[in-house]
C-alpha cells in the first residue's frame, strides 16, 4: 500500500484544515503537517502550526509513532511537545483509504493526557490526488 504523497486533514480531524506530506519506505513512515491558509502573522503564535510524524507501519495496518509540534515556524524549529500516536489505515464508506487516529474525542490517551488543558481532535487524513493508491 502506497501512502506517499499529500494528505488533507479532514474537518472531523480538527477545527483547522491542514495538509500533510507523507513518505513511507518499507515499514517506516515520516510526515509533516502544516495548517492551511495562514499568513505569517497568524502562523507565528500557533505552536501546532507545523507538526512532524514518524513511526512504523505494522502488519496489522496500524501506524505506531510520535507526533512532534515543531512550530511556530518551519525555519525556526523548536520541538515543543512529543506525543505517542496510533493511526489506523482504514477505509471510509466509499472505499477510499483514510488514516484515522485511534482515539475518541475528549477522552484521555497518548495525545490527550489532560483534556482540560489541550486535547486535539483525533487526526483524520484523506488522500489528496495521487496519495494513498
N, C-alpha and C. Protein backbone atom coordinates (compact mmCIF):
# COMPACT_ATOMS: atom_id res chain seq x y z
N UNK A 1 0.85 -1.17 0.00
CA UNK A 1 0.00 0.00 0.00
C UNK A 1 0.89 1.24 0.00
N UNK A 2 0.67 2.11 -0.96
CA UNK A 2 1.48 3.32 -1.10
C UNK A 2 0.82 4.47 -0.35
N UNK A 3 1.49 4.95 0.69
CA UNK A 3 0.96 6.07 1.48
C UNK A 3 1.65 7.38 1.13
N UNK A 4 2.59 7.36 0.18
CA UNK A 4 3.36 8.55 -0.18
C UNK A 4 2.49 9.60 -0.85
N UNK A 5 2.71 10.85 -0.48
CA UNK A 5 2.02 11.95 -1.14
C UNK A 5 1.38 12.91 -0.15
N UNK A 6 0.52 13.76 -0.67
CA UNK A 6 -0.16 14.78 0.13
C UNK A 6 -1.48 14.23 0.65
N UNK A 7 -1.76 14.54 1.90
CA UNK A 7 -2.99 14.12 2.56
C UNK A 7 -3.64 15.36 3.16
N UNK A 8 -4.96 15.38 3.17
CA UNK A 8 -5.71 16.52 3.69
C UNK A 8 -6.32 16.13 5.03
N UNK A 9 -6.09 16.96 6.04
CA UNK A 9 -6.71 16.73 7.34
C UNK A 9 -8.16 17.14 7.23
N UNK A 10 -9.06 16.19 7.37
CA UNK A 10 -10.48 16.48 7.17
C UNK A 10 -11.07 17.16 8.39
N UNK A 11 -12.26 17.74 8.21
CA UNK A 11 -12.90 18.55 9.25
C UNK A 11 -13.05 17.81 10.57
N UNK A 12 -13.41 16.52 10.49
CA UNK A 12 -13.61 15.81 11.74
C UNK A 12 -12.29 15.54 12.45
N UNK A 13 -11.16 15.79 11.79
CA UNK A 13 -9.85 15.59 12.39
C UNK A 13 -9.26 16.86 12.95
N UNK A 14 -10.07 17.86 13.21
CA UNK A 14 -9.57 19.10 13.78
C UNK A 14 -10.32 20.29 13.22
N UNK A 15 -10.34 21.36 13.96
CA UNK A 15 -11.10 22.54 13.55
C UNK A 15 -10.44 23.28 12.39
N UNK A 16 -9.13 23.15 12.27
CA UNK A 16 -8.42 23.88 11.23
C UNK A 16 -7.90 22.93 10.17
N UNK A 17 -8.10 23.23 8.89
CA UNK A 17 -7.59 22.34 7.85
C UNK A 17 -6.06 22.37 7.79
N UNK A 18 -5.50 21.24 7.43
CA UNK A 18 -4.05 21.13 7.31
C UNK A 18 -3.74 20.20 6.16
N UNK A 19 -2.56 20.38 5.58
CA UNK A 19 -2.05 19.47 4.57
C UNK A 19 -0.88 18.72 5.16
N UNK A 20 -0.87 17.42 4.97
CA UNK A 20 0.21 16.55 5.44
C UNK A 20 0.92 15.96 4.23
N UNK A 21 2.23 15.91 4.29
CA UNK A 21 3.03 15.24 3.26
C UNK A 21 3.65 14.02 3.91
N UNK A 22 3.38 12.85 3.35
CA UNK A 22 3.80 11.60 3.96
C UNK A 22 4.74 10.86 3.02
N UNK A 23 5.78 10.28 3.61
CA UNK A 23 6.74 9.44 2.89
C UNK A 23 6.87 8.14 3.66
N UNK A 24 6.72 7.03 2.96
CA UNK A 24 6.93 5.74 3.61
C UNK A 24 7.97 4.96 2.83
N UNK A 25 8.78 4.22 3.58
CA UNK A 25 9.81 3.39 2.97
C UNK A 25 9.90 2.12 3.81
N UNK A 26 9.53 0.99 3.21
CA UNK A 26 9.44 -0.24 3.99
C UNK A 26 8.37 -0.07 5.04
N UNK A 27 8.72 -0.35 6.30
CA UNK A 27 7.72 -0.18 7.36
C UNK A 27 7.89 1.14 8.11
N UNK A 28 8.78 2.02 7.61
CA UNK A 28 8.98 3.33 8.24
C UNK A 28 8.14 4.39 7.56
N UNK A 29 7.64 5.34 8.34
CA UNK A 29 6.80 6.41 7.80
C UNK A 29 7.20 7.73 8.45
N UNK A 30 7.23 8.78 7.64
CA UNK A 30 7.51 10.14 8.10
C UNK A 30 6.45 11.05 7.52
N UNK A 31 6.12 12.10 8.23
CA UNK A 31 5.15 13.06 7.71
C UNK A 31 5.35 14.43 8.32
N UNK A 32 4.92 15.44 7.56
CA UNK A 32 4.92 16.82 8.03
C UNK A 32 3.55 17.41 7.73
N UNK A 33 2.93 18.02 8.75
CA UNK A 33 1.63 18.66 8.57
C UNK A 33 1.73 20.14 8.84
N UNK A 34 1.14 20.94 7.96
CA UNK A 34 1.16 22.40 8.09
C UNK A 34 -0.26 22.91 7.95
N UNK A 35 -0.68 23.76 8.91
CA UNK A 35 -2.01 24.36 8.83
C UNK A 35 -2.16 25.16 7.55
N UNK A 36 -3.32 25.04 6.92
CA UNK A 36 -3.57 25.72 5.65
C UNK A 36 -4.06 27.15 5.85
N UNK A 37 -3.74 28.01 4.90
CA UNK A 37 -4.35 29.32 4.79
C UNK A 37 -3.98 30.32 5.86
N UNK A 38 -2.81 30.22 6.45
CA UNK A 38 -2.41 31.17 7.47
C UNK A 38 -1.37 32.13 6.93
N UNK A 39 -1.54 33.41 7.27
CA UNK A 39 -0.50 34.39 6.94
C UNK A 39 0.59 34.26 8.00
N UNK A 40 1.72 34.91 7.79
CA UNK A 40 2.81 34.81 8.75
C UNK A 40 2.40 35.33 10.12
N UNK A 41 1.60 36.41 10.16
CA UNK A 41 1.16 36.96 11.44
C UNK A 41 0.32 35.95 12.22
N UNK A 42 -0.55 35.24 11.51
CA UNK A 42 -1.40 34.25 12.17
C UNK A 42 -0.61 32.98 12.49
N UNK A 43 0.42 32.72 11.67
CA UNK A 43 1.17 31.48 11.75
C UNK A 43 2.07 31.44 12.98
N UNK A 44 2.64 32.58 13.33
CA UNK A 44 3.64 32.62 14.39
C UNK A 44 3.15 32.16 15.77
N UNK A 45 1.96 32.58 16.25
CA UNK A 45 1.61 32.25 17.61
C UNK A 45 1.15 30.81 17.84
N UNK A 46 0.88 30.06 16.80
CA UNK A 46 0.34 28.72 16.98
C UNK A 46 1.45 27.69 17.11
N UNK A 47 1.53 27.06 18.26
CA UNK A 47 2.57 26.06 18.46
C UNK A 47 2.36 24.81 17.61
N UNK A 48 1.12 24.59 17.15
CA UNK A 48 0.84 23.41 16.35
C UNK A 48 0.77 23.71 14.86
N UNK A 49 1.31 24.85 14.42
CA UNK A 49 1.26 25.22 13.01
C UNK A 49 2.00 24.23 12.13
N UNK A 50 3.08 23.66 12.66
CA UNK A 50 3.86 22.67 11.93
C UNK A 50 4.01 21.46 12.84
N UNK A 51 3.64 20.29 12.32
CA UNK A 51 3.75 19.07 13.08
C UNK A 51 4.54 18.04 12.29
N UNK A 52 5.23 17.18 13.00
CA UNK A 52 6.01 16.12 12.37
C UNK A 52 5.56 14.78 12.92
N UNK A 53 5.52 13.79 12.05
CA UNK A 53 5.14 12.44 12.44
C UNK A 53 6.25 11.49 12.01
N UNK A 54 6.62 10.59 12.88
CA UNK A 54 7.48 9.49 12.46
C UNK A 54 7.00 8.24 13.17
N UNK A 55 7.06 7.12 12.45
CA UNK A 55 6.55 5.90 13.06
C UNK A 55 6.84 4.67 12.22
N UNK A 56 6.19 3.58 12.61
CA UNK A 56 6.37 2.29 11.96
C UNK A 56 5.00 1.73 11.62
N UNK A 57 4.87 1.21 10.40
CA UNK A 57 3.64 0.58 9.95
C UNK A 57 3.73 -0.91 10.29
N UNK A 58 2.77 -1.39 11.07
CA UNK A 58 2.76 -2.80 11.45
C UNK A 58 1.95 -3.65 10.49
N UNK A 59 2.07 -4.97 10.63
CA UNK A 59 1.31 -5.90 9.80
C UNK A 59 -0.19 -5.80 10.03
N UNK A 60 -0.58 -5.17 11.15
CA UNK A 60 -1.99 -5.03 11.49
C UNK A 60 -2.60 -3.74 10.93
N UNK A 61 -1.88 -3.08 9.99
CA UNK A 61 -2.33 -1.82 9.38
C UNK A 61 -2.50 -0.71 10.41
N UNK A 62 -1.63 -0.72 11.41
CA UNK A 62 -1.60 0.31 12.43
C UNK A 62 -0.23 0.98 12.39
N UNK A 63 -0.24 2.30 12.39
CA UNK A 63 1.00 3.08 12.46
C UNK A 63 1.21 3.47 13.91
N UNK A 64 2.28 3.00 14.51
CA UNK A 64 2.66 3.41 15.85
C UNK A 64 3.76 4.44 15.70
N UNK A 65 3.55 5.64 16.25
CA UNK A 65 4.54 6.68 16.05
C UNK A 65 4.48 7.77 17.09
N UNK A 66 5.15 8.85 16.73
CA UNK A 66 5.26 10.02 17.60
C UNK A 66 4.96 11.26 16.77
N UNK A 67 4.19 12.18 17.33
CA UNK A 67 3.96 13.49 16.71
C UNK A 67 4.71 14.52 17.53
N UNK A 68 5.41 15.41 16.83
CA UNK A 68 6.16 16.48 17.47
C UNK A 68 5.59 17.80 16.95
N UNK A 69 5.30 18.74 17.86
CA UNK A 69 4.89 20.09 17.45
C UNK A 69 6.16 20.89 17.19
N UNK A 70 6.37 21.28 15.93
CA UNK A 70 7.61 21.95 15.55
C UNK A 70 7.50 23.45 15.51
N UNK A 71 6.27 23.99 15.44
CA UNK A 71 6.07 25.41 15.27
C UNK A 71 6.89 26.24 16.23
N UNK A 72 6.84 27.52 16.12
CA UNK A 72 5.86 28.24 15.32
C UNK A 72 6.24 28.44 13.86
N UNK A 73 7.49 28.22 13.47
CA UNK A 73 7.88 28.44 12.08
C UNK A 73 8.77 27.30 11.62
N UNK A 74 8.60 26.85 10.37
CA UNK A 74 9.42 25.73 9.91
C UNK A 74 10.91 26.08 9.82
N UNK A 75 11.27 27.37 9.68
CA UNK A 75 12.69 27.73 9.60
C UNK A 75 13.27 28.04 10.98
N UNK A 76 12.47 27.91 12.02
CA UNK A 76 12.93 28.12 13.38
C UNK A 76 12.35 26.99 14.22
N UNK A 77 12.92 25.80 14.06
CA UNK A 77 12.34 24.60 14.64
C UNK A 77 12.71 24.49 16.12
N UNK A 78 11.67 24.45 16.95
CA UNK A 78 11.85 24.24 18.39
C UNK A 78 10.83 23.17 18.78
N UNK A 79 11.24 21.90 18.90
CA UNK A 79 10.27 20.88 19.30
C UNK A 79 9.64 21.24 20.64
N UNK A 80 8.31 21.26 20.68
CA UNK A 80 7.61 21.70 21.88
C UNK A 80 6.89 20.59 22.62
N UNK A 81 6.52 19.55 21.93
CA UNK A 81 5.76 18.51 22.60
C UNK A 81 5.88 17.22 21.81
N UNK A 82 6.10 16.13 22.52
CA UNK A 82 6.11 14.82 21.90
C UNK A 82 4.87 14.07 22.37
N UNK A 83 4.23 13.39 21.48
CA UNK A 83 3.05 12.62 21.86
C UNK A 83 3.02 11.32 21.06
N UNK A 84 2.79 10.23 21.75
CA UNK A 84 2.62 8.95 21.07
C UNK A 84 1.30 8.98 20.32
N UNK A 85 1.27 8.28 19.19
CA UNK A 85 0.05 8.26 18.39
C UNK A 85 -0.09 6.88 17.76
N UNK A 86 -1.35 6.42 17.65
CA UNK A 86 -1.67 5.19 16.91
C UNK A 86 -2.63 5.60 15.80
N UNK A 87 -2.24 5.32 14.58
CA UNK A 87 -3.05 5.68 13.42
C UNK A 87 -3.44 4.41 12.68
N UNK A 88 -4.73 4.25 12.45
CA UNK A 88 -5.26 3.09 11.76
C UNK A 88 -5.33 3.40 10.27
N UNK A 89 -4.82 2.50 9.43
CA UNK A 89 -5.00 2.60 7.98
C UNK A 89 -6.35 1.94 7.70
N UNK A 90 -7.31 2.75 7.27
CA UNK A 90 -8.71 2.31 7.22
C UNK A 90 -9.33 2.74 5.89
N UNK A 91 -10.59 2.46 5.72
CA UNK A 91 -11.35 2.86 4.54
C UNK A 91 -12.65 3.50 4.98
N UNK A 92 -13.06 4.56 4.25
CA UNK A 92 -14.34 5.18 4.58
C UNK A 92 -15.47 4.42 3.90
N UNK A 93 -16.69 4.93 4.01
CA UNK A 93 -17.86 4.24 3.45
C UNK A 93 -17.81 4.12 1.94
N UNK A 94 -17.05 5.02 1.27
CA UNK A 94 -16.92 4.97 -0.18
C UNK A 94 -15.76 4.10 -0.64
N UNK A 95 -15.06 3.48 0.30
CA UNK A 95 -13.93 2.62 -0.05
C UNK A 95 -12.63 3.37 -0.23
N UNK A 96 -12.61 4.66 0.10
CA UNK A 96 -11.39 5.45 -0.03
C UNK A 96 -10.54 5.27 1.22
N UNK A 97 -9.23 5.11 1.02
CA UNK A 97 -8.33 4.94 2.15
C UNK A 97 -8.28 6.20 3.00
N UNK A 98 -8.26 6.03 4.31
CA UNK A 98 -8.08 7.14 5.23
C UNK A 98 -7.09 6.71 6.31
N UNK A 99 -6.46 7.69 6.93
CA UNK A 99 -5.61 7.46 8.09
C UNK A 99 -6.34 8.07 9.27
N UNK A 100 -6.67 7.26 10.27
CA UNK A 100 -7.52 7.69 11.37
C UNK A 100 -6.84 7.40 12.71
N UNK A 101 -6.67 8.45 13.50
CA UNK A 101 -6.07 8.25 14.82
C UNK A 101 -7.01 7.44 15.70
N UNK A 102 -6.45 6.47 16.40
CA UNK A 102 -7.24 5.60 17.26
C UNK A 102 -7.44 6.29 18.61
N UNK A 103 -8.46 7.13 18.68
CA UNK A 103 -8.75 7.88 19.90
C UNK A 103 -10.14 8.48 19.80
N UNK A 104 -10.81 8.57 20.92
CA UNK A 104 -12.14 9.18 20.99
C UNK A 104 -11.97 10.65 21.38
N UNK A 105 -12.69 11.58 20.72
CA UNK A 105 -12.56 13.00 21.08
C UNK A 105 -12.82 13.24 22.57
N UNK A 106 -11.96 14.02 23.20
CA UNK A 106 -12.15 14.40 24.58
C UNK A 106 -11.81 13.34 25.60
N UNK A 107 -11.35 12.17 25.16
CA UNK A 107 -11.01 11.09 26.08
C UNK A 107 -9.50 11.04 26.23
N UNK A 108 -9.06 10.85 27.47
CA UNK A 108 -7.63 10.83 27.70
C UNK A 108 -6.96 9.69 26.94
N UNK A 109 -5.75 9.96 26.49
CA UNK A 109 -4.97 8.99 25.74
C UNK A 109 -3.59 9.57 25.49
N UNK A 110 -2.78 8.93 24.65
CA UNK A 110 -1.41 9.42 24.44
C UNK A 110 -1.32 10.89 24.03
N UNK A 111 -2.24 11.36 23.17
CA UNK A 111 -2.20 12.76 22.75
C UNK A 111 -3.14 13.63 23.57
N UNK A 112 -3.79 13.06 24.55
CA UNK A 112 -4.81 13.78 25.30
C UNK A 112 -4.74 13.40 26.76
N UNK A 113 -3.58 13.59 27.37
CA UNK A 113 -3.40 13.19 28.76
C UNK A 113 -4.28 14.01 29.69
N UNK A 114 -4.42 15.30 29.41
CA UNK A 114 -5.22 16.19 30.25
C UNK A 114 -6.19 16.96 29.35
N UNK A 115 -7.42 16.45 29.18
CA UNK A 115 -8.35 17.08 28.24
C UNK A 115 -8.77 18.49 28.62
N UNK A 116 -8.49 18.89 29.85
CA UNK A 116 -8.85 20.25 30.25
C UNK A 116 -7.89 21.26 29.62
N UNK A 117 -6.60 20.92 29.54
CA UNK A 117 -5.61 21.85 29.02
C UNK A 117 -5.64 21.94 27.50
N UNK A 118 -5.38 20.82 26.80
CA UNK A 118 -5.38 20.83 25.35
C UNK A 118 -5.60 19.42 24.86
N UNK A 119 -6.65 19.23 24.13
CA UNK A 119 -6.98 17.91 23.63
C UNK A 119 -7.38 18.03 22.16
N UNK A 120 -6.42 17.84 21.26
CA UNK A 120 -6.76 17.98 19.84
C UNK A 120 -7.74 16.89 19.41
N UNK A 121 -8.54 17.21 18.41
CA UNK A 121 -9.44 16.21 17.86
C UNK A 121 -8.61 15.08 17.26
N UNK A 122 -9.14 13.87 17.23
CA UNK A 122 -8.39 12.77 16.61
C UNK A 122 -8.05 13.10 15.17
N UNK A 123 -6.84 12.81 14.78
CA UNK A 123 -6.36 13.10 13.43
C UNK A 123 -7.04 12.19 12.42
N UNK A 124 -7.60 12.77 11.37
CA UNK A 124 -8.19 12.01 10.26
C UNK A 124 -7.64 12.61 8.97
N UNK A 125 -6.95 11.78 8.18
CA UNK A 125 -6.35 12.25 6.92
C UNK A 125 -6.97 11.52 5.75
N UNK A 126 -7.30 12.29 4.72
CA UNK A 126 -7.81 11.74 3.47
C UNK A 126 -6.83 12.10 2.35
N UNK A 127 -6.62 11.19 1.40
CA UNK A 127 -5.62 11.46 0.37
C UNK A 127 -6.01 12.63 -0.53
N UNK A 128 -5.01 13.43 -0.83
CA UNK A 128 -5.16 14.41 -1.89
C UNK A 128 -4.97 13.63 -3.19
N UNK A 129 -5.11 14.23 -4.34
CA UNK A 129 -4.94 13.49 -5.58
C UNK A 129 -3.54 12.88 -5.63
N UNK A 130 -3.48 11.58 -5.89
CA UNK A 130 -2.20 10.90 -6.04
C UNK A 130 -1.70 10.20 -4.81
N UNK A 131 -2.26 10.49 -3.62
CA UNK A 131 -1.78 9.83 -2.40
C UNK A 131 -2.67 8.65 -2.08
N UNK A 132 -2.11 7.68 -1.42
CA UNK A 132 -2.87 6.55 -0.90
C UNK A 132 -3.39 5.61 -1.96
N UNK A 133 -2.65 5.42 -3.04
CA UNK A 133 -3.07 4.48 -4.08
C UNK A 133 -2.68 3.07 -3.73
